[in-house]
Amino acid sequence: MPLDFTKHFFALPTEFKLRNNTGCSWKVMVKLMNDRVTLDQGWATYAAVHQIKIGYMVTFKLLTPDTLKVIIFDDDGIEVVNKCGKHDEPFAAKD
């Protein structure tokens, strides 16, 4: 996330809630690294659980100051729909 994007925040949150296309939420920590804001702790597990592969495109839309809507497209440009079920992972957000 470019630093210019952070000007939209009064204060940069220490974590974001990622909400997917089925309404499930996942917590990821935010870290400043090499002049960029990065999704840190929780992101690798999110990517694995939601089977994000090389070649996929992931879009983020700011819904609230600490919530991003995530839409994942496969390498054919088709939206990936992730059914949530029950997340037992420590970063699954409780709504």
Protein backbone atom coordinates (compact mmCIF):
# COMPACT_ATOMS: atom_id res chain seq x y z
CA MET A 1 0.00 0.00 0.00
CA PRO A 2 1.67 3.27 -1.07
CA LEU A 3 2.25 5.87 1.63
CA ASP A 4 0.14 8.35 -0.39
CA PHE A 5 -2.85 6.12 0.35
CA THR A 6 -2.29 6.61 4.06
CA LYS A 7 -3.21 10.30 3.79
CA HIS A 8 -6.84 9.09 3.80
CA PHE A 9 -6.41 8.01 7.43
CA PHE A 10 -6.48 10.26 10.48
CA ALA A 11 -4.22 7.68 12.09
CA LEU A 12 -3.03 4.51 10.40
CA PRO A 13 -4.62 1.49 12.09
CA THR A 14 -2.39 -1.20 13.53
CA GLU A 15 -4.65 -3.85 12.04
CA PHE A 16 -7.19 -4.15 9.25
CA LYS A 17 -10.21 -6.38 9.07
CA LEU A 18 -10.38 -7.97 5.61
CA ARG A 19 -13.96 -8.70 4.54
CA ASN A 20 -14.48 -11.02 1.58
CA ASN A 21 -17.34 -11.36 -0.89
CA THR A 22 -19.33 -13.64 1.44
CA GLY A 23 -19.05 -11.31 4.44
CA CYS A 24 -16.41 -13.26 6.35
CA SER A 25 -13.77 -11.22 8.13
CA TRP A 26 -10.11 -11.80 8.86
CA LYS A 27 -7.67 -9.71 10.92
CA VAL A 28 -4.24 -8.77 9.60
CA MET A 29 -1.64 -6.62 11.27
CA VAL A 30 -0.29 -3.53 9.51
CA LYS A 31 3.43 -2.75 9.37
CA LEU A 32 5.47 0.13 7.91
CA MET A 33 8.33 -1.29 5.88
CA ASN A 34 10.52 0.33 3.19
CA ASP A 35 8.26 3.42 3.02
CA ARG A 36 5.21 1.26 2.38
CA VAL A 37 2.39 0.09 4.56
CA THR A 38 2.24 -3.69 4.34
CA LEU A 39 -0.17 -6.35 5.50
CA ASP A 40 1.89 -8.39 7.91
CA GLN A 41 0.90 -10.92 10.54
CA GLY A 42 -2.20 -12.81 9.41
CA TRP A 43 -1.82 -12.09 5.67
CA ALA A 44 0.12 -15.27 4.79
CA THR A 45 -2.49 -17.41 6.53
CA TYR A 46 -5.32 -15.47 4.85
CA ALA A 47 -3.70 -16.01 1.44
CA ALA A 48 -3.25 -19.73 2.12
CA VAL A 49 -6.76 -20.28 3.52
CA HIS A 50 -8.31 -18.40 0.59
CA GLN A 51 -6.00 -20.16 -1.90
CA ILE A 52 -4.58 -17.00 -3.49
CA LYS A 53 -2.13 -18.17 -6.13
CA ILE A 54 0.53 -16.50 -8.25
CA GLY A 55 -1.23 -14.83 -11.17
CA TYR A 56 -4.35 -14.01 -9.17
CA MET A 57 -5.37 -10.37 -8.78
CA VAL A 58 -6.50 -9.12 -5.39
CA THR A 59 -8.37 -5.82 -5.02
CA PHE A 60 -8.93 -3.88 -1.82
CA LYS A 61 -11.62 -1.28 -1.16
CA LEU A 62 -11.66 0.81 2.00
CA LEU A 63 -15.05 0.32 3.68
CA THR A 64 -14.30 1.89 7.08
CA PRO A 65 -11.07 3.28 8.55
CA ASP A 66 -10.10 -0.25 9.63
CA THR A 67 -11.97 -2.52 7.19
CA LEU A 68 -11.01 -3.45 3.64
CA LYS A 69 -13.25 -5.36 1.24
CA VAL A 70 -11.17 -7.97 -0.58
CA ILE A 71 -12.10 -9.37 -4.00
CA ILE A 72 -9.95 -12.12 -5.50
CA PHE A 73 -9.82 -12.87 -9.24
CA ASP A 74 -8.20 -16.00 -10.65
CA ASP A 75 -5.73 -15.97 -13.54
CA ASP A 76 -8.65 -16.02 -16.03
CA GLY A 77 -10.12 -12.86 -14.45
CA ILE A 78 -13.02 -14.72 -12.84
CA GLU A 79 -14.00 -13.69 -9.33
CA VAL A 80 -13.17 -16.33 -6.74
CA VAL A 81 -15.97 -16.90 -4.24
CA ASN A 82 -14.72 -18.17 -0.91
CA LYS A 83 -17.28 -19.84 1.29
CA CYS A 84 -16.35 -19.12 4.83
CA GLY A 85 -17.51 -21.99 6.92
CA LYS A 86 -15.95 -21.84 10.35
CA HIS A 87 -12.48 -20.34 10.63
CA ASP A 88 -10.50 -21.90 13.42
CA GLU A 89 -7.51 -19.71 12.63
CA PRO A 90 -6.34 -17.24 15.28
CA PHE A 91 -6.78 -14.30 12.88
CA ALA A 92 -10.39 -14.98 11.93
CA ALA A 93 -12.26 -11.87 13.05
CA LYS A 94 -15.24 -12.24 15.30
CA ASP A 95 -18.12 -10.10 14.05
